[in-house]
Amino acid sequence: MFISTTMTTFRGFIAVEIPVNDKIQTFHDELSRLPTKIKLVEPENIHITLKFLGETKKEHIANIQQIMKTSVQGLKPWNIRLQGTGVFPNNNYIKIIWIGIEQIGNLAEISKVLNLETATLGYKKEKRGFKAHLTIGRVNNAVGKNELIAVIDQYKDTNFNEVLIEKIMLKKSTLTPKGPIYETISTVHLS
């Protein structure tokens, strides 16, 4: 008799959801019309990743919830500003298109606590520092790169909106051919 030893897991991450407004949607739509092969993030899936967990054991959910509570303990909600656009790593080799974040407040500290504490459960510790941004799309080839850079430059000084940070979420990501489907597993509110 075969007994499966695999644990039940899901692809998890901890994030802040960002509502999409008309300015973000317009930028998104302009990118979608370019000849460049871009895998755009669905507007309803746009978020700030605080900690990518990867394969997450369901038995760790309670511990992760506690770590999330610890990471925001004593913090009051605050506004961030979605400001400007850019690319990672650079204009010569574009992989990620992003909207920037200003007035990040405690996001970096929350991310740091999540990173350190989830490592005690066996999740990989991120070595790079936290860079607050919204990923809007991933570039798959350089076709139409000049047009892409022109659109990004057009929005580089745009104030997209202010967003209230009042909760963080443990999310489940199910990868499908049409893109990921996100489901909220747990929500922790700032006090």
Protein backbone atom coordinates (compact mmCIF):
# COMPACT_ATOMS: atom_id res chain seq x y z
CA MET A 1 0.00 0.00 0.00
CA PHE A 2 1.34 3.45 -0.96
CA ILE A 3 1.11 6.17 1.68
CA SER A 4 1.79 9.73 0.57
CA THR A 5 4.28 11.53 2.76
CA THR A 6 3.77 14.89 1.09
CA MET A 7 2.32 17.56 3.30
CA THR A 8 -0.51 19.72 2.17
CA THR A 9 0.98 23.00 0.98
CA PHE A 10 0.06 26.07 -1.01
CA ARG A 11 2.07 28.81 -2.74
CA GLY A 12 1.94 31.60 -0.18
CA PHE A 13 2.95 35.20 0.34
CA ILE A 14 2.17 38.04 2.74
CA ALA A 15 1.03 41.29 1.13
CA VAL A 16 -0.92 44.52 1.17
CA GLU A 17 -3.66 44.72 -1.45
CA ILE A 18 -3.76 47.89 -3.53
CA PRO A 19 -7.05 49.08 -5.06
CA VAL A 20 -6.70 50.07 -8.71
CA ASN A 21 -7.85 53.55 -9.67
CA ASP A 22 -8.29 55.18 -13.09
CA LYS A 23 -4.65 56.38 -13.33
CA ILE A 24 -3.25 52.89 -12.64
CA GLN A 25 -5.77 51.36 -15.06
CA THR A 26 -4.81 53.85 -17.81
CA PHE A 27 -1.08 53.04 -17.36
CA HIS A 28 -1.94 49.30 -17.41
CA ASP A 29 -4.02 49.72 -20.58
CA GLU A 30 -1.25 51.66 -22.37
CA LEU A 31 1.24 48.91 -21.56
CA SER A 32 -1.17 46.27 -22.89
CA ARG A 33 -1.24 47.97 -26.33
CA LEU A 34 2.54 47.86 -26.80
CA PRO A 35 4.25 45.36 -29.14
CA THR A 36 6.51 44.28 -26.25
CA LYS A 37 5.65 40.87 -24.83
CA ILE A 38 4.59 41.80 -21.28
CA LYS A 39 2.84 39.55 -18.77
CA LEU A 40 0.73 42.18 -17.01
CA VAL A 41 -0.49 41.67 -13.45
CA GLU A 42 -4.29 41.55 -13.44
CA PRO A 43 -5.55 44.82 -11.89
CA GLU A 44 -7.37 42.95 -9.10
CA ASN A 45 -4.09 41.16 -8.20
CA ILE A 46 -1.90 44.26 -7.79
CA HIS A 47 -0.28 44.25 -4.35
CA ILE A 48 2.82 45.03 -2.32
CA THR A 49 4.65 41.82 -1.43
CA LEU A 50 5.96 42.01 2.13
CA LYS A 51 7.22 38.42 2.23
CA PHE A 52 7.16 35.68 -0.41
CA LEU A 53 6.90 32.32 1.35
CA GLY A 54 6.71 29.89 -1.57
CA GLU A 55 5.51 26.40 -0.66
CA THR A 56 3.66 27.06 2.59
CA LYS A 57 2.59 24.28 4.92
CA LYS A 58 -1.05 24.54 5.96
CA GLU A 59 -0.02 23.47 9.45
CA HIS A 60 2.02 26.70 9.70
CA ILE A 61 -0.94 29.05 9.13
CA ALA A 62 -1.53 29.71 12.86
CA ASN A 63 2.18 30.43 13.41
CA ILE A 64 2.30 32.70 10.36
CA GLN A 65 -0.77 34.58 11.62
CA GLN A 66 1.00 35.15 14.94
CA ILE A 67 4.13 36.40 13.13
CA MET A 68 1.93 38.76 11.09
CA LYS A 69 0.37 40.12 14.31
CA THR A 70 3.83 40.62 15.81
CA SER A 71 5.02 42.47 12.68
CA VAL A 72 2.27 45.14 12.96
CA GLN A 73 1.96 45.25 16.75
CA GLY A 74 1.41 48.81 17.97
CA LEU A 75 1.23 50.28 14.45
CA LYS A 76 -1.55 52.66 13.45
CA PRO A 77 -2.83 52.77 9.85
CA TRP A 78 -1.00 55.27 7.60
CA ASN A 79 -1.04 56.46 3.99
CA ILE A 80 1.51 55.60 1.34
CA ARG A 81 1.81 57.44 -1.97
CA LEU A 82 1.96 55.56 -5.26
CA GLN A 83 4.41 57.73 -7.19
CA GLY A 84 6.21 57.33 -10.51
CA THR A 85 7.16 54.36 -12.66
CA GLY A 86 10.33 52.48 -13.48
CA VAL A 87 11.90 49.12 -14.27
CA PHE A 88 14.09 46.48 -12.68
CA PRO A 89 16.98 45.97 -13.14
CA ASN A 90 17.55 48.80 -15.70
CA ASN A 91 16.46 50.23 -19.07
CA ASN A 92 19.00 48.09 -20.96
CA TYR A 93 17.63 44.84 -19.52
CA ILE A 94 14.00 45.25 -18.50
CA LYS A 95 12.43 42.40 -16.52
CA ILE A 96 9.94 44.14 -14.19
CA ILE A 97 7.76 47.23 -14.74
CA TRP A 98 6.76 48.92 -11.49
CA ILE A 99 4.92 51.79 -9.85
CA GLY A 100 6.95 53.33 -7.03
CA ILE A 101 5.91 53.91 -3.44
CA GLU A 102 6.75 56.93 -1.30
CA GLN A 103 6.03 57.54 2.38
CA ILE A 104 6.48 53.83 2.93
CA GLY A 105 6.33 54.32 6.68
CA ASN A 106 6.73 51.00 8.46
CA LEU A 107 6.52 48.70 5.40
CA ALA A 108 10.24 47.94 5.44
CA GLU A 109 10.18 47.14 9.17
CA ILE A 110 7.10 44.91 8.80
CA SER A 111 8.82 43.09 5.93
CA LYS A 112 12.00 42.68 8.00
CA VAL A 113 10.10 41.12 10.94
CA LEU A 114 8.18 38.81 8.58
CA ASN A 115 11.43 37.78 6.88
CA LEU A 116 13.28 37.00 10.12
CA GLU A 117 10.40 35.31 11.94
CA THR A 118 9.18 33.11 9.06
CA ALA A 119 12.78 31.86 8.69
CA THR A 120 12.32 30.19 12.11
CA LEU A 121 9.60 28.07 10.46
CA GLY A 122 11.97 27.07 7.65
CA TYR A 123 11.03 29.63 5.01
CA LYS A 124 13.87 31.07 2.94
CA LYS A 125 15.26 34.34 4.27
CA GLU A 126 15.35 37.11 1.68
CA LYS A 127 18.86 38.52 1.49
CA ARG A 128 18.02 41.60 -0.56
CA GLY A 129 16.62 44.62 1.25
CA PHE A 130 12.94 45.49 0.92
CA LYS A 131 12.15 47.65 -2.12
CA ALA A 132 8.61 48.99 -1.89
CA HIS A 133 6.97 48.83 -5.32
CA LEU A 134 3.94 47.54 -7.19
CA THR A 135 4.82 45.05 -9.92
CA ILE A 136 2.67 45.95 -12.93
CA GLY A 137 4.20 43.56 -15.44
CA ARG A 138 7.04 41.23 -16.37
CA VAL A 139 8.79 41.68 -19.71
CA ASN A 140 9.49 38.53 -21.75
CA ASN A 141 11.36 40.02 -24.72
CA ALA A 142 12.88 43.26 -25.96
CA VAL A 143 10.58 43.80 -28.95
CA GLY A 144 9.31 47.38 -28.85
CA LYS A 145 11.63 48.31 -25.99
CA ASN A 146 11.84 51.97 -27.07
CA GLU A 147 8.03 52.31 -27.06
CA LEU A 148 7.92 50.66 -23.64
CA ILE A 149 10.55 53.05 -22.22
CA ALA A 150 8.61 55.99 -23.69
CA VAL A 151 5.41 54.97 -21.86
CA ILE A 152 7.29 54.39 -18.60
CA ASP A 153 8.99 57.80 -18.96
CA GLN A 154 5.61 59.43 -19.62
CA TYR A 155 4.42 58.24 -16.17
CA LYS A 156 7.71 58.58 -14.25
CA ASP A 157 6.51 61.60 -12.24
CA THR A 158 2.83 60.63 -11.96
CA ASN A 159 1.15 60.66 -8.56
CA PHE A 160 -1.12 57.63 -8.89
CA ASN A 161 -2.84 57.94 -5.52
CA GLU A 162 -2.52 57.67 -1.77
CA VAL A 163 -3.51 54.34 -0.20
CA LEU A 164 -4.30 53.66 3.44
CA ILE A 165 -2.28 50.77 4.90
CA GLU A 166 -4.58 49.23 7.50
CA LYS A 167 -4.12 45.47 7.11
CA ILE A 168 -1.77 42.79 5.84
CA MET A 169 -2.83 39.45 4.38
CA LEU A 170 -1.59 35.92 4.00
CA LYS A 171 -2.46 35.03 0.41
CA LYS A 172 -2.63 31.77 -1.50
CA SER A 173 -1.56 31.90 -5.14
CA THR A 174 -2.84 29.24 -7.52
CA LEU A 175 -1.00 29.37 -10.84
CA THR A 176 -3.18 28.87 -13.92
CA PRO A 177 -2.51 29.27 -17.67
CA LYS A 178 -4.48 32.57 -17.56
CA GLY A 179 -2.45 33.89 -14.62
CA PRO A 180 -2.46 33.44 -10.85
CA ILE A 181 -5.62 33.33 -8.78
CA TYR A 182 -5.18 34.84 -5.31
CA GLU A 183 -7.18 33.86 -2.27
CA THR A 184 -6.95 35.47 1.17
CA ILE A 185 -6.14 32.91 3.88
CA SER A 186 -5.80 35.32 6.80
CA THR A 187 -6.05 39.07 7.46
CA VAL A 188 -4.35 40.98 10.29
CA HIS A 189 -5.46 44.57 10.95
CA LEU A 190 -3.24 47.35 12.28
CA SER A 191 -4.44 48.66 15.64
